[in-house]
Amino acid sequence: MAKVGIKLVAAMAGVSPATVSRALSGKPVDAEMRARVEEAVRATGYRPNLAARRLRSRESGTIGLIVADIRNPFFTAVSRAVEDVAFAHGLRVILCNTDENPEKEAMYLRLMEEERVTGVIFAPTRHTAPKVAVSRHAFPVVLIDRSAPTVLHDAVVLDNARAAAALVEHLHGRGYRRIVGLFGAASTTGVERRGGYEAAMRRLGLVPAATFLDHGGTATEQCVADLLATPERPEAILASNGLMLLGVARALLRAGIHIPADIGLAGFDNEPWTELVGAGITVMEQPVEEIGRNAMAMLFDRGANPAAAARRIVLQATCIVRGSTPGPGSPQP
């Protein structure tokens, strides 16, 4: 039998999930609404999530979500997944965007203290990750996307090295040999993906050609322009995040370089636009909804078991092969 959720109770009672949560936690609610909620609970057999209730009762009923760049569709999608789960449990979300800036990260962590949040989901920069990983806070912290090898906090991350290596293996299998990798410099994610790329290139007998790029599309487009001006330009480019992949595609199109007839292209993040460039761009799809849901579940578990050992969930990406990587010299579709 399917588990009855708070949304079903809310729909039957004709109120919002937040009202159901307030009624069940003993907070002030209109008497008539409370009666409808209680009747719906009896009718459905709903049993409240005790871990979530304990987490709510500790502080303000507010979750802090600190992301590196809200313009990055990856973080937009993760934020949506976190907000969906929070709303279903009567929790509010404070969303903070750091622009990969350690000073803004520190400011927002102080804000979380001031707001007495019940927990924080945090995607730290490469500079901050080692520090926050071993720092204790007044609230539970779940790290997402970026982490450190040893942490005091729960974490949900991607197997970045494996995902980057899989892209290299795909490109090699299609006949590409001069494969250039572009990686974000601000995060541990970029470092891990570069490591996976370089290890796979060497294992396959290829010469790695990796570049770290600062945050922003301008640097990506200039890098691509420089690559196109070299005597032996790349046969394929691998971009390590969605914004960087977009920058590469834009730079190639502006230069009149056809994908894939002139150059192959692959990268991370399965955004809608990646299906619209030529015959589509080959990408590593990250399980963004699973990342958000797991992060919230970890906060709930931490609320129920504050002394438990920190956990680390490592998820896998899925390679979606499209027409941008048919092999060098292939005709344009």
Protein backbone atom coordinates (compact mmCIF):
# COMPACT_ATOMS: atom_id res chain seq x y z
CA MET A 1 0.00 0.00 0.00
CA ALA A 2 1.36 3.43 -0.93
CA LYS A 3 2.42 5.65 1.93
CA VAL A 4 -0.05 8.44 2.68
CA GLY A 5 1.58 11.87 2.45
CA ILE A 6 0.80 15.26 3.91
CA LYS A 7 -0.34 16.55 0.49
CA LEU A 8 -3.15 13.98 0.35
CA VAL A 9 -4.29 14.99 3.84
CA ALA A 10 -4.19 18.66 2.82
CA ALA A 11 -6.19 18.00 -0.36
CA MET A 12 -8.85 16.04 1.52
CA ALA A 13 -9.09 18.74 4.21
CA GLY A 14 -9.13 21.55 1.65
CA VAL A 15 -6.14 23.32 3.23
CA SER A 16 -2.44 23.77 2.46
CA PRO A 17 0.24 21.28 3.57
CA ALA A 18 1.62 24.04 5.80
CA THR A 19 -1.75 24.28 7.60
CA VAL A 20 -1.75 20.51 8.12
CA SER A 21 1.74 20.74 9.57
CA ARG A 22 0.76 23.57 11.93
CA ALA A 23 -2.34 21.73 13.10
CA LEU A 24 -0.46 18.51 13.80
CA SER A 25 2.35 20.31 15.63
CA GLY A 26 -0.09 22.07 17.97
CA LYS A 27 0.40 25.57 16.58
CA PRO A 28 -2.51 28.06 16.36
CA VAL A 29 -4.91 27.11 13.55
CA ASP A 30 -8.53 28.07 12.89
CA ALA A 31 -10.74 25.63 14.82
CA GLU A 32 -12.79 24.66 11.77
CA MET A 33 -9.63 24.00 9.74
CA ARG A 34 -8.14 21.96 12.57
CA ALA A 35 -11.26 19.81 12.68
CA ARG A 36 -11.05 19.20 8.91
CA VAL A 37 -7.38 18.25 9.21
CA GLU A 38 -8.03 15.84 12.06
CA GLU A 39 -10.87 14.23 10.11
CA ALA A 40 -8.65 13.87 7.04
CA VAL A 41 -5.90 12.30 9.16
CA ARG A 42 -8.35 9.74 10.51
CA ALA A 43 -9.76 9.01 7.06
CA THR A 44 -6.38 8.52 5.40
CA GLY A 45 -4.52 6.90 8.27
CA TYR A 46 -1.74 9.46 7.86
CA ARG A 47 1.22 9.15 10.22
CA PRO A 48 3.41 12.26 10.52
CA ASN A 49 7.12 12.13 9.73
CA LEU A 50 8.53 12.23 13.26
CA ALA A 51 12.05 13.08 12.11
CA ALA A 52 10.78 16.07 10.16
CA ARG A 53 8.63 17.16 13.12
CA ARG A 54 11.59 16.98 15.46
CA LEU A 55 13.70 19.02 13.04
CA ARG A 56 10.95 21.66 12.80
CA SER A 57 10.48 21.88 16.53
CA ARG A 58 14.15 22.65 17.23
CA GLU A 59 14.29 26.12 15.76
CA SER A 60 12.44 28.34 13.30
CA GLY A 61 10.97 25.90 10.81
CA THR A 62 13.25 27.40 8.16
CA ILE A 63 15.84 25.68 5.96
CA GLY A 64 18.83 27.59 4.60
CA LEU A 65 19.91 26.75 1.04
CA ILE A 66 23.24 28.28 0.02
CA VAL A 67 24.16 27.71 -3.64
CA ALA A 68 27.18 28.81 -5.66
CA ASP A 69 25.44 30.29 -8.72
CA ILE A 70 21.68 30.36 -9.15
CA ARG A 71 22.18 31.08 -12.88
CA ASN A 72 23.59 27.58 -13.22
CA PRO A 73 20.60 25.38 -14.13
CA PHE A 74 22.02 22.60 -11.97
CA PHE A 75 21.51 24.69 -8.83
CA THR A 76 18.12 25.91 -10.05
CA ALA A 77 16.92 22.31 -10.36
CA VAL A 78 18.37 21.26 -7.01
CA SER A 79 16.75 24.29 -5.35
CA ARG A 80 13.38 23.29 -6.76
CA ALA A 81 13.72 19.75 -5.41
CA VAL A 82 14.69 21.05 -1.94
CA GLU A 83 11.81 23.55 -1.89
CA ASP A 84 9.28 20.90 -2.92
CA VAL A 85 10.25 18.64 -0.02
CA ALA A 86 10.43 21.54 2.44
CA PHE A 87 6.97 22.83 1.47
CA ALA A 88 5.46 19.36 1.80
CA HIS A 89 6.69 19.30 5.42
CA GLY A 90 5.66 22.83 6.34
CA LEU A 91 9.20 24.21 6.20
CA ARG A 92 10.28 27.49 4.63
CA VAL A 93 13.45 27.95 2.56
CA ILE A 94 15.87 30.89 2.61
CA LEU A 95 17.76 30.77 -0.71
CA CYS A 96 21.18 32.45 -0.82
CA ASN A 97 23.39 32.83 -3.90
CA THR A 98 27.14 33.24 -3.28
CA ASP A 99 28.49 33.80 -6.83
CA GLU A 100 31.37 31.48 -5.82
CA ASN A 101 32.51 34.20 -3.39
CA PRO A 102 33.94 32.99 -0.03
CA GLU A 103 33.09 36.32 1.64
CA LYS A 104 29.44 35.95 0.68
CA GLU A 105 29.51 32.36 1.93
CA ALA A 106 30.73 33.51 5.35
CA MET A 107 28.11 36.27 5.44
CA TYR A 108 25.28 33.85 4.64
CA LEU A 109 26.45 31.32 7.22
CA ARG A 110 26.30 34.12 9.82
CA LEU A 111 22.80 34.95 8.55
CA MET A 112 21.76 31.33 9.13
CA GLU A 113 22.93 31.63 12.73
CA GLU A 114 20.94 34.85 13.19
CA GLU A 115 17.81 33.32 11.65
CA ARG A 116 18.12 30.25 13.89
CA VAL A 117 17.50 27.97 10.93
CA THR A 118 16.73 24.31 11.51
CA GLY A 119 19.38 23.23 9.02
CA VAL A 120 21.44 24.30 6.01
CA ILE A 121 22.06 22.71 2.63
CA PHE A 122 25.28 24.18 1.27
CA ALA A 123 27.30 24.01 -1.96
CA PRO A 124 30.63 25.56 -0.90
CA THR A 125 33.42 26.92 -3.08
CA ARG A 126 36.73 25.13 -3.42
CA HIS A 127 38.19 27.68 -0.97
CA THR A 128 35.54 27.13 1.69
CA ALA A 129 34.84 23.39 1.37
CA PRO A 130 37.80 22.14 3.47
CA LYS A 131 37.00 24.67 6.23
CA VAL A 132 33.27 24.12 6.43
CA ALA A 133 33.79 20.36 6.27
CA VAL A 134 35.47 20.40 9.68
CA SER A 135 33.55 23.31 11.25
CA ARG A 136 30.76 22.81 13.75
CA HIS A 137 27.63 24.95 13.57
CA ALA A 138 24.57 25.53 15.69
CA PHE A 139 22.52 23.82 12.98
CA PRO A 140 22.98 20.62 10.96
CA VAL A 141 24.68 21.09 7.59
CA VAL A 142 24.37 18.91 4.49
CA LEU A 143 26.93 19.57 1.79
CA ILE A 144 25.83 19.12 -1.82
CA ASP A 145 27.80 18.92 -5.07
CA ARG A 146 31.04 20.03 -3.38
CA SER A 147 32.66 18.40 -0.38
CA ALA A 148 35.94 17.36 1.23
CA PRO A 149 37.33 13.86 1.87
CA THR A 150 36.85 14.08 5.65
CA VAL A 151 33.76 15.85 6.91
CA LEU A 152 31.77 16.38 10.10
CA HIS A 153 28.64 16.91 8.03
CA ASP A 154 26.47 14.76 5.82
CA ALA A 155 27.06 15.15 2.09
CA VAL A 156 25.38 14.30 -1.23
CA VAL A 157 27.79 14.38 -4.15
CA LEU A 158 28.28 13.07 -7.66
CA ASP A 159 31.02 10.61 -8.60
CA ASN A 160 32.66 13.40 -10.57
CA ALA A 161 35.87 11.63 -11.53
CA ARG A 162 33.94 8.62 -12.85
CA ALA A 163 31.53 10.82 -14.82
CA ALA A 164 34.32 12.80 -16.50
CA ALA A 165 36.22 9.61 -17.30
CA ALA A 166 33.09 8.14 -18.88
CA LEU A 167 32.83 11.13 -21.21
CA VAL A 168 36.48 10.70 -22.24
CA GLU A 169 35.89 7.00 -22.86
CA HIS A 170 32.85 7.80 -25.00
CA LEU A 171 34.79 10.34 -27.09
CA HIS A 172 37.74 7.96 -27.46
CA GLY A 173 35.38 5.20 -28.54
CA ARG A 174 34.04 7.47 -31.29
CA GLY A 175 37.57 8.08 -32.60
CA TYR A 176 38.46 11.43 -31.01
CA ARG A 177 42.06 11.77 -29.86
CA ARG A 178 42.77 15.50 -29.35
CA ILE A 179 40.26 16.04 -26.54
CA VAL A 180 40.51 19.31 -24.62
CA GLY A 181 38.88 19.57 -21.19
CA LEU A 182 37.64 22.85 -19.69
CA PHE A 183 37.02 22.84 -15.94
CA GLY A 184 35.67 25.29 -13.37
CA ALA A 185 38.35 26.58 -11.01
CA ALA A 186 36.07 27.65 -8.17
CA SER A 187 34.82 24.28 -6.93
CA THR A 188 36.06 20.90 -5.79
CA THR A 189 33.73 19.52 -8.47
CA GLY A 190 35.91 21.02 -11.21
CA VAL A 191 39.04 19.59 -9.59
CA GLU A 192 37.53 16.11 -9.34
CA ARG A 193 36.26 16.16 -12.93
CA ARG A 194 39.65 17.31 -14.18
CA GLY A 195 41.27 14.45 -12.27
CA GLY A 196 38.90 11.95 -13.84
CA TYR A 197 39.50 13.40 -17.30
CA GLU A 198 43.29 13.32 -17.00
CA ALA A 199 43.38 9.81 -15.56
CA ALA A 200 41.18 8.49 -18.37
CA MET A 201 43.21 10.27 -21.06
CA ARG A 202 46.45 8.74 -19.79
CA ARG A 203 44.90 5.30 -19.40
CA LEU A 204 43.84 5.46 -23.07
CA GLY A 205 47.27 6.61 -24.22
CA LEU A 206 46.16 10.19 -24.93
CA VAL A 207 47.80 13.46 -23.90
CA PRO A 208 45.61 15.48 -21.48
CA ALA A 209 45.00 19.13 -22.36
CA ALA A 210 43.06 20.54 -19.42
CA THR A 211 42.39 24.16 -18.51
CA PHE A 212 40.92 25.65 -15.33
CA LEU A 213 38.66 28.63 -16.01
CA ASP A 214 37.38 31.27 -13.64
CA HIS A 215 33.67 31.74 -13.00
CA GLY A 216 31.86 33.32 -15.96
CA GLY A 217 31.07 32.72 -19.65
CA THR A 218 33.48 35.36 -21.00
CA ALA A 219 36.53 33.33 -19.95
CA THR A 220 35.10 30.24 -21.61
CA GLU A 221 34.45 32.00 -24.92
CA GLN A 222 37.94 33.53 -24.97
CA CYS A 223 39.50 30.14 -24.21
CA VAL A 224 37.62 28.57 -27.12
CA ALA A 225 38.76 31.37 -29.44
CA ASP A 226 42.36 30.72 -28.39
CA LEU A 227 41.97 26.97 -28.98
CA LEU A 228 40.61 27.55 -32.47
CA ALA A 229 43.67 29.65 -33.32
CA THR A 230 46.16 26.88 -32.48
CA PRO A 231 47.88 24.94 -35.33
CA GLU A 232 46.24 21.69 -34.21
CA ARG A 233 42.88 22.66 -32.81
CA PRO A 234 40.95 20.12 -30.73
CA GLU A 235 38.97 17.36 -32.33
CA ALA A 236 36.57 17.53 -29.38
CA ILE A 237 35.95 19.75 -26.34
CA LEU A 238 34.69 18.51 -22.97
CA ALA A 239 33.06 21.15 -20.72
CA SER A 240 32.66 20.40 -17.02
CA ASN A 241 29.41 22.26 -16.24
CA GLY A 242 26.29 23.53 -17.95
CA LEU A 243 27.24 27.20 -18.07
CA MET A 244 30.65 26.38 -19.48
CA LEU A 245 29.10 24.04 -22.06
CA LEU A 246 26.78 26.84 -23.17
CA GLY A 247 29.75 29.19 -23.47
CA VAL A 248 31.63 26.71 -25.64
CA ALA A 249 28.64 26.15 -27.93
CA ARG A 250 28.08 29.89 -28.28
CA ALA A 251 31.76 30.55 -29.09
CA LEU A 252 31.85 27.80 -31.73
CA LEU A 253 28.67 29.01 -33.41
CA ARG A 254 29.91 32.61 -33.46
CA ALA A 255 33.17 31.47 -35.05
CA GLY A 256 31.29 29.61 -37.78
CA ILE A 257 32.52 26.24 -36.48
CA HIS A 258 30.00 23.50 -37.12
CA ILE A 259 29.13 20.92 -34.47
CA PRO A 260 29.96 18.08 -35.09
CA ALA A 261 31.35 18.38 -38.63
CA ASP A 262 34.24 20.63 -37.50
CA ILE A 263 34.53 19.71 -33.84
CA GLY A 264 32.90 17.36 -31.33
CA LEU A 265 31.36 18.68 -28.14
CA ALA A 266 30.31 17.03 -24.87
CA GLY A 267 29.77 18.18 -21.31
CA PHE A 268 27.77 18.13 -18.13
CA ASP A 269 24.12 18.91 -17.36
CA ASN A 270 21.18 17.86 -19.47
CA GLU A 271 19.50 21.22 -20.00
CA PRO A 272 16.66 21.69 -22.54
CA TRP A 273 18.84 23.79 -24.86
CA THR A 274 21.32 20.92 -25.29
CA GLU A 275 18.75 19.11 -27.44
CA LEU A 276 18.40 22.11 -29.78
CA VAL A 277 21.99 22.61 -31.00
CA GLY A 278 22.40 20.66 -34.25
CA ALA A 279 21.52 17.05 -33.59
CA GLY A 280 21.84 17.64 -29.85
CA ILE A 281 24.82 17.73 -27.50
CA THR A 282 26.13 14.66 -25.68
CA VAL A 283 25.91 15.28 -21.92
CA MET A 284 26.34 13.73 -18.53
CA GLU A 285 22.98 14.09 -16.80
CA GLN A 286 23.19 14.65 -13.07
CA PRO A 287 20.41 13.29 -10.80
CA VAL A 288 19.45 16.77 -9.61
CA GLU A 289 16.12 15.84 -8.03
CA GLU A 290 17.72 12.91 -6.23
CA ILE A 291 20.43 15.21 -4.89
CA GLY A 292 17.83 17.62 -3.47
CA ARG A 293 15.64 14.89 -2.00
CA ASN A 294 18.58 13.09 -0.41
CA ALA A 295 19.86 16.33 1.11
CA MET A 296 16.49 17.01 2.74
CA ALA A 297 16.21 13.39 3.95
CA MET A 298 19.63 13.75 5.55
CA LEU A 299 18.52 16.88 7.39
CA PHE A 300 15.46 15.03 8.68
CA ASP A 301 17.61 12.07 9.76
CA ARG A 302 20.06 14.41 11.47
CA GLY A 303 17.16 16.00 13.36
CA ALA A 304 16.13 12.56 14.61
CA ASN A 305 19.69 11.32 15.28
CA PRO A 306 21.94 14.34 15.99
CA ALA A 307 24.80 12.20 17.35
CA ALA A 308 24.96 9.75 14.43
CA ALA A 309 28.11 9.53 12.32
CA ALA A 310 28.18 11.72 9.21
CA ARG A 311 27.13 10.02 5.99
CA ARG A 312 28.23 10.58 2.41
CA ILE A 313 25.98 9.61 -0.50
CA VAL A 314 27.75 9.32 -3.86
CA LEU A 315 25.45 9.32 -6.88
CA GLN A 316 26.16 8.42 -10.50
CA ALA A 317 25.58 10.45 -13.66
CA THR A 318 24.00 9.12 -16.84
CA CYS A 319 25.60 9.63 -20.25
CA ILE A 320 23.08 10.82 -22.85
CA VAL A 321 24.62 10.40 -26.29
CA ARG A 322 23.46 12.78 -29.00
CA GLY A 323 24.66 13.93 -32.38
CA SER A 324 27.50 16.21 -31.27
CA THR A 325 29.96 13.32 -30.89
CA PRO A 326 29.77 11.05 -33.99
CA GLY A 327 33.54 11.01 -34.50
CA PRO A 328 36.09 13.31 -36.21
CA GLY A 329 35.44 14.03 -39.86
CA SER A 330 31.80 12.97 -39.70
CA PRO A 331 29.47 14.91 -42.05
CA GLN A 332 27.23 17.56 -40.55
CA PRO A 333 23.70 16.18 -40.01
